[in-house]
Amino acid sequence: MKTIGVIPKPTKKRLMQLLTLLESYKETKITSLKIQSLTGWKDSLIRHDLWLIGFNNGVSNGYFVSDLIEKISDVYVRVYIVP
C-alpha cells in the first residue's frame, strides 16, 4: 500500500503519537472508537489519517495492532529517516 500523496504535519504528529500508544497496547485489535477514547481524536479523523498512509485493512471489529505498528513504522522510516 502506498501513501496518498503528501502527509500533512498534523497527521504525521498524530501517527507518531498513535505509534507510541500502540506499542504499549496489550490487545491484538483496536478500533478507531477505542483510539478516540484514548486520544480524544475523532474516530473519522483516525480513519482518514490511516487512509492517507494507505492503510485500509480495518474491518468493523477493529484493526490488528501489529499491522498498524508495521505500517506506521514504515511511513516513519520513509518520512523521517529516508527523505
C-alpha atoms as a PDB file:
ATOM      1  CA  MET A   1       0.000   0.000   0.000  1.00  0.00           C
ATOM      2  CA  LYS A   2       1.267   3.436  -0.861  1.00  0.00           C
ATOM      3  CA  THR A   3       0.652   6.703   0.867  1.00  0.00           C
ATOM      4  CA  ILE A   4      -1.843   9.085  -0.710  1.00  0.00           C
ATOM      5  CA  GLY A   5       0.443  11.993  -1.653  1.00  0.00           C
ATOM      6  CA  VAL A   6       1.936  14.358   0.906  1.00  0.00           C
ATOM      7  CA  ILE A   7       1.137  13.630   4.530  1.00  0.00           C
ATOM      8  CA  PRO A   8       0.158  16.810   6.420  1.00  0.00           C
ATOM      9  CA  LYS A   9       2.214  17.712   9.508  1.00  0.00           C
ATOM     10  CA  PRO A  10      -0.730  17.289  11.936  1.00  0.00           C
ATOM     11  CA  THR A  11      -1.290  13.780  10.571  1.00  0.00           C
ATOM     12  CA  LYS A  12       2.398  12.927  10.977  1.00  0.00           C
ATOM     13  CA  LYS A  13       2.270  14.097  14.579  1.00  0.00           C
ATOM     14  CA  ARG A  14      -0.858  12.057  15.343  1.00  0.00           C
ATOM     15  CA  LEU A  15       0.619   8.976  13.690  1.00  0.00           C
ATOM     16  CA  MET A  16       3.760   9.194  15.810  1.00  0.00           C
ATOM     17  CA  GLN A  17       1.625   9.573  18.946  1.00  0.00           C
ATOM     18  CA  LEU A  18      -0.530   6.657  17.812  1.00  0.00           C
ATOM     19  CA  LEU A  19       2.561   4.523  17.270  1.00  0.00           C
ATOM     20  CA  THR A  20       3.693   5.196  20.843  1.00  0.00           C
ATOM     21  CA  LEU A  21       0.239   4.308  22.134  1.00  0.00           C
ATOM     22  CA  LEU A  22       0.061   1.098  20.088  1.00  0.00           C
ATOM     23  CA  GLU A  23       3.485  -0.098  21.208  1.00  0.00           C
ATOM     24  CA  SER A  24       2.195  -0.307  24.779  1.00  0.00           C
ATOM     25  CA  TYR A  25      -1.329  -1.506  23.914  1.00  0.00           C
ATOM     26  CA  LYS A  26      -1.958  -5.029  25.233  1.00  0.00           C
ATOM     27  CA  GLU A  27      -4.799  -6.233  22.961  1.00  0.00           C
ATOM     28  CA  THR A  28      -4.354  -7.727  19.472  1.00  0.00           C
ATOM     29  CA  LYS A  29      -7.023  -5.497  17.877  1.00  0.00           C
ATOM     30  CA  ILE A  30      -8.068  -1.896  18.341  1.00  0.00           C
ATOM     31  CA  THR A  31     -10.972   0.098  16.905  1.00  0.00           C
ATOM     32  CA  SER A  32     -10.994   3.722  15.839  1.00  0.00           C
ATOM     33  CA  LEU A  33     -13.527   4.297  18.638  1.00  0.00           C
ATOM     34  CA  LYS A  34     -11.059   2.881  21.192  1.00  0.00           C
ATOM     35  CA  ILE A  35      -8.304   5.107  19.783  1.00  0.00           C
ATOM     36  CA  GLN A  36     -10.732   8.019  20.084  1.00  0.00           C
ATOM     37  CA  SER A  37     -11.379   7.223  23.740  1.00  0.00           C
ATOM     38  CA  LEU A  38      -7.641   7.027  24.446  1.00  0.00           C
ATOM     39  CA  THR A  39      -6.593  10.132  22.495  1.00  0.00           C
ATOM     40  CA  GLY A  40      -9.601  12.416  22.137  1.00  0.00           C
ATOM     41  CA  TRP A  41      -9.270  12.469  18.341  1.00  0.00           C
ATOM     42  CA  LYS A  42     -12.436  11.925  16.305  1.00  0.00           C
ATOM     43  CA  ASP A  43     -12.758   8.377  15.005  1.00  0.00           C
ATOM     44  CA  SER A  44     -13.341   9.716  11.475  1.00  0.00           C
ATOM     45  CA  LEU A  45     -10.053  11.651  11.692  1.00  0.00           C
ATOM     46  CA  ILE A  46      -8.236   8.492  12.771  1.00  0.00           C
ATOM     47  CA  ARG A  47      -9.649   6.552   9.828  1.00  0.00           C
ATOM     48  CA  HIS A  48      -8.734   9.422   7.486  1.00  0.00           C
ATOM     49  CA  ASP A  49      -5.140   9.530   8.799  1.00  0.00           C
ATOM     50  CA  LEU A  50      -4.822   5.788   8.251  1.00  0.00           C
ATOM     51  CA  TRP A  51      -6.281   6.149   4.760  1.00  0.00           C
ATOM     52  CA  LEU A  52      -3.675   8.840   3.979  1.00  0.00           C
ATOM     53  CA  ILE A  53      -0.872   6.359   4.649  1.00  0.00           C
ATOM     54  CA  GLY A  54      -2.569   3.710   2.545  1.00  0.00           C
ATOM     55  CA  PHE A  55      -3.867   1.630   5.440  1.00  0.00           C
ATOM     56  CA  ASN A  56      -7.276   0.265   4.534  1.00  0.00           C
ATOM     57  CA  ASN A  57      -7.143  -3.024   6.437  1.00  0.00           C
ATOM     58  CA  GLY A  58      -9.702  -2.085   9.055  1.00  0.00           C
ATOM     59  CA  VAL A  59     -12.823  -4.120   9.485  1.00  0.00           C
ATOM     60  CA  SER A  60     -15.898  -3.391  11.527  1.00  0.00           C
ATOM     61  CA  ASN A  61     -14.355  -5.071  14.565  1.00  0.00           C
ATOM     62  CA  GLY A  62     -11.073  -3.164  14.503  1.00  0.00           C
ATOM     63  CA  TYR A  63      -7.514  -3.116  13.246  1.00  0.00           C
ATOM     64  CA  PHE A  64      -4.796  -5.593  14.098  1.00  0.00           C
ATOM     65  CA  VAL A  65      -2.399  -3.651  16.308  1.00  0.00           C
ATOM     66  CA  SER A  66       0.644  -5.375  14.800  1.00  0.00           C
ATOM     67  CA  ASP A  67      -0.422  -4.332  11.274  1.00  0.00           C
ATOM     68  CA  LEU A  68      -0.876  -0.716  12.379  1.00  0.00           C
ATOM     69  CA  ILE A  69       2.524  -0.665  14.085  1.00  0.00           C
ATOM     70  CA  GLU A  70       4.177  -2.097  10.975  1.00  0.00           C
ATOM     71  CA  LYS A  71       2.525   0.378   8.599  1.00  0.00           C
ATOM     72  CA  ILE A  72       3.093   3.466  10.759  1.00  0.00           C
ATOM     73  CA  SER A  73       6.723   2.428  11.351  1.00  0.00           C
ATOM     74  CA  ASP A  74       7.224   2.021   7.610  1.00  0.00           C
ATOM     75  CA  VAL A  75       5.832   5.506   6.988  1.00  0.00           C
ATOM     76  CA  TYR A  76       8.028   6.908   9.789  1.00  0.00           C
ATOM     77  CA  VAL A  77      11.146   5.483   8.110  1.00  0.00           C
ATOM     78  CA  ARG A  78      10.171   6.868   4.700  1.00  0.00           C
ATOM     79  CA  VAL A  79       9.152  10.306   6.009  1.00  0.00           C
ATOM     80  CA  TYR A  80      11.791  10.996   8.671  1.00  0.00           C
ATOM     81  CA  ILE A  81      14.779   8.756   8.045  1.00  0.00           C
ATOM     82  CA  VAL A  82      14.946   8.274   4.275  1.00  0.00           C
ATOM     83  CA  PRO A  83      13.801  11.544   2.688  1.00  0.00           C
END
